[in-house]
């Protein structure tokens, strides 16, 4: 798995803000908006192949995909807006999963 994340931990934020070498790079006003938020971690399951890898995670990742799904849009979408992620898609037949491993039209 690949698991990048961003966490807002009050103790660590306070330590960074009190260190002049770090604080100079921090927008204090913006950072304060994230206190109490916690964080987010994005996890991808990858299949390593002889040609590279395939991303097996079947969830929206691009901002446009997330917003579209939140509005009730179809998932997976008709067109992959992030082909560099090398995602594989589930196809549907009459509302049921029909097959895995179908590449989306690019």
C-alpha atoms as a PDB file:
ATOM      1  CA  UNK A   1       0.000   0.000   0.000  1.00  0.00           C
ATOM      2  CA  UNK A   2       0.916   3.651  -0.445  1.00  0.00           C
ATOM      3  CA  UNK A   3      -0.368   5.808   2.419  1.00  0.00           C
ATOM      4  CA  UNK A   4       0.484   9.516   2.218  1.00  0.00           C
ATOM      5  CA  UNK A   5      -1.173  11.623   4.872  1.00  0.00           C
ATOM      6  CA  UNK A   6      -1.416  15.075   6.362  1.00  0.00           C
ATOM      7  CA  UNK A   7      -2.074  15.441  10.082  1.00  0.00           C
ATOM      8  CA  UNK A   8      -2.642  18.539  12.214  1.00  0.00           C
ATOM      9  CA  UNK A   9      -1.434  17.686  15.716  1.00  0.00           C
ATOM     10  CA  UNK A  10      -1.680  20.624  18.128  1.00  0.00           C
ATOM     11  CA  UNK A  11       1.471  19.760  20.087  1.00  0.00           C
ATOM     12  CA  UNK A  12       3.571  19.459  16.922  1.00  0.00           C
ATOM     13  CA  UNK A  13       2.067  22.609  15.422  1.00  0.00           C
ATOM     14  CA  UNK A  14       2.877  24.540  18.612  1.00  0.00           C
ATOM     15  CA  UNK A  15       6.453  23.246  18.569  1.00  0.00           C
ATOM     16  CA  UNK A  16       6.895  24.306  14.937  1.00  0.00           C
ATOM     17  CA  UNK A  17       5.406  27.744  15.607  1.00  0.00           C
ATOM     18  CA  UNK A  18       7.776  28.288  18.533  1.00  0.00           C
ATOM     19  CA  UNK A  19      10.820  27.411  16.415  1.00  0.00           C
ATOM     20  CA  UNK A  20      11.878  30.465  14.347  1.00  0.00           C
ATOM     21  CA  UNK A  21      13.565  28.262  11.727  1.00  0.00           C
ATOM     22  CA  UNK A  22      10.264  26.479  11.049  1.00  0.00           C
ATOM     23  CA  UNK A  23       7.790  29.241  11.876  1.00  0.00           C
ATOM     24  CA  UNK A  24       9.061  31.454   9.074  1.00  0.00           C
ATOM     25  CA  UNK A  25       7.491  29.026   6.582  1.00  0.00           C
ATOM     26  CA  UNK A  26       4.120  28.719   8.312  1.00  0.00           C
ATOM     27  CA  UNK A  27       1.031  30.799   7.625  1.00  0.00           C
ATOM     28  CA  UNK A  28      -0.189  31.031  11.230  1.00  0.00           C
ATOM     29  CA  UNK A  29      -3.636  32.355  10.375  1.00  0.00           C
ATOM     30  CA  UNK A  30      -4.281  29.568   7.872  1.00  0.00           C
ATOM     31  CA  UNK A  31      -2.872  26.897  10.178  1.00  0.00           C
ATOM     32  CA  UNK A  32      -5.235  27.913  12.994  1.00  0.00           C
ATOM     33  CA  UNK A  33      -8.200  26.910  10.808  1.00  0.00           C
ATOM     34  CA  UNK A  34      -7.002  23.297  10.946  1.00  0.00           C
ATOM     35  CA  UNK A  35      -6.755  22.958  14.740  1.00  0.00           C
ATOM     36  CA  UNK A  36      -9.026  20.165  15.874  1.00  0.00           C
ATOM     37  CA  UNK A  37      -9.386  18.817  12.332  1.00  0.00           C
ATOM     38  CA  UNK A  38      -7.129  15.807  12.845  1.00  0.00           C
ATOM     39  CA  UNK A  39      -5.962  14.846   9.381  1.00  0.00           C
ATOM     40  CA  UNK A  40      -6.449  12.753   6.311  1.00  0.00           C
ATOM     41  CA  UNK A  41      -4.697   9.737   4.873  1.00  0.00           C
ATOM     42  CA  UNK A  42      -5.103   8.476   1.318  1.00  0.00           C
ATOM     43  CA  UNK A  43      -4.484   4.770   0.880  1.00  0.00           C
ATOM     44  CA  UNK A  44      -3.901   3.023  -2.411  1.00  0.00           C
ATOM     45  CA  UNK A  45      -3.552  -0.702  -2.961  1.00  0.00           C
ATOM     46  CA  UNK A  46      -1.038  -1.327  -5.734  1.00  0.00           C
ATOM     47  CA  UNK A  47      -0.276  -4.416  -7.785  1.00  0.00           C
ATOM     48  CA  UNK A  48       3.375  -4.435  -8.800  1.00  0.00           C
ATOM     49  CA  UNK A  49       3.848  -5.895 -12.286  1.00  0.00           C
ATOM     50  CA  UNK A  50       6.808  -6.448 -14.593  1.00  0.00           C
ATOM     51  CA  UNK A  51       5.781  -3.264 -16.444  1.00  0.00           C
ATOM     52  CA  UNK A  52       5.302  -1.057 -13.378  1.00  0.00           C
ATOM     53  CA  UNK A  53       2.158  -1.134 -11.284  1.00  0.00           C
ATOM     54  CA  UNK A  54      -1.619  -1.005 -11.357  1.00  0.00           C
ATOM     55  CA  UNK A  55      -3.635   0.976  -8.837  1.00  0.00           C
ATOM     56  CA  UNK A  56      -6.391  -1.260  -7.451  1.00  0.00           C
ATOM     57  CA  UNK A  57      -8.040   1.456  -5.356  1.00  0.00           C
ATOM     58  CA  UNK A  58     -11.530   2.104  -6.631  1.00  0.00           C
ATOM     59  CA  UNK A  59     -12.380   5.496  -5.203  1.00  0.00           C
ATOM     60  CA  UNK A  60     -12.371   9.065  -6.517  1.00  0.00           C
ATOM     61  CA  UNK A  61      -9.070  10.911  -6.069  1.00  0.00           C
ATOM     62  CA  UNK A  62      -9.098  13.998  -8.284  1.00  0.00           C
ATOM     63  CA  UNK A  63     -10.969  17.001  -6.879  1.00  0.00           C
ATOM     64  CA  UNK A  64     -13.288  16.937  -9.890  1.00  0.00           C
ATOM     65  CA  UNK A  65     -14.059  13.246  -9.257  1.00  0.00           C
ATOM     66  CA  UNK A  66     -14.811  13.783  -5.572  1.00  0.00           C
ATOM     67  CA  UNK A  67     -17.080  16.744  -6.305  1.00  0.00           C
ATOM     68  CA  UNK A  68     -18.871  14.845  -9.058  1.00  0.00           C
ATOM     69  CA  UNK A  69     -19.526  11.835  -6.808  1.00  0.00           C
ATOM     70  CA  UNK A  70     -20.726  14.142  -4.017  1.00  0.00           C
ATOM     71  CA  UNK A  71     -23.281  15.523  -6.501  1.00  0.00           C
ATOM     72  CA  UNK A  72     -24.477  11.988  -7.280  1.00  0.00           C
ATOM     73  CA  UNK A  73     -22.355  11.412 -10.378  1.00  0.00           C
ATOM     74  CA  UNK A  74     -21.524   7.974 -11.746  1.00  0.00           C
ATOM     75  CA  UNK A  75     -18.555   6.071 -10.374  1.00  0.00           C
ATOM     76  CA  UNK A  76     -16.403   5.026 -12.026  1.00  0.00           C
ATOM     77  CA  UNK A  77     -16.653   7.914 -14.479  1.00  0.00           C
ATOM     78  CA  UNK A  78     -16.745   7.624 -18.250  1.00  0.00           C
ATOM     79  CA  UNK A  79     -13.274   9.189 -18.603  1.00  0.00           C
ATOM     80  CA  UNK A  80     -10.243   8.869 -16.344  1.00  0.00           C
ATOM     81  CA  UNK A  81      -8.969  12.345 -15.444  1.00  0.00           C
ATOM     82  CA  UNK A  82      -5.855  10.854 -13.813  1.00  0.00           C
ATOM     83  CA  UNK A  83      -4.480   8.219 -16.225  1.00  0.00           C
ATOM     84  CA  UNK A  84      -1.063   8.543 -14.583  1.00  0.00           C
ATOM     85  CA  UNK A  85      -2.490   6.640 -11.598  1.00  0.00           C
ATOM     86  CA  UNK A  86      -2.885   3.537 -13.804  1.00  0.00           C
ATOM     87  CA  UNK A  87      -6.223   2.679 -12.226  1.00  0.00           C
ATOM     88  CA  UNK A  88      -8.233  -0.435 -13.081  1.00  0.00           C
ATOM     89  CA  UNK A  89     -12.005  -0.250 -13.056  1.00  0.00           C
ATOM     90  CA  UNK A  90     -14.925  -2.485 -12.252  1.00  0.00           C
ATOM     91  CA  UNK A  91     -17.443  -2.801 -15.040  1.00  0.00           C
ATOM     92  CA  UNK A  92     -21.140  -3.087 -14.329  1.00  0.00           C
ATOM     93  CA  UNK A  93     -23.844  -5.138 -15.966  1.00  0.00           C
ATOM     94  CA  UNK A  94     -27.399  -4.314 -14.909  1.00  0.00           C
ATOM     95  CA  UNK A  95     -26.168  -2.731 -11.680  1.00  0.00           C
ATOM     96  CA  UNK A  96     -23.945  -5.657 -10.658  1.00  0.00           C
ATOM     97  CA  UNK A  97     -20.175  -5.985 -10.792  1.00  0.00           C
ATOM     98  CA  UNK A  98     -19.307  -7.813 -14.003  1.00  0.00           C
ATOM     99  CA  UNK A  99     -15.508  -7.817 -14.174  1.00  0.00           C
ATOM    100  CA  UNK A 100     -12.335  -6.363 -12.758  1.00  0.00           C
ATOM    101  CA  UNK A 101      -9.312  -5.095 -14.598  1.00  0.00           C
ATOM    102  CA  UNK A 102     -11.011  -3.125 -17.356  1.00  0.00           C
ATOM    103  CA  UNK A 103      -8.998  -0.064 -18.293  1.00  0.00           C
ATOM    104  CA  UNK A 104     -11.075   3.084 -18.522  1.00  0.00           C
ATOM    105  CA  UNK A 105     -11.161   4.904 -21.847  1.00  0.00           C
ATOM    106  CA  UNK A 106      -8.571   7.670 -21.802  1.00  0.00           C
END
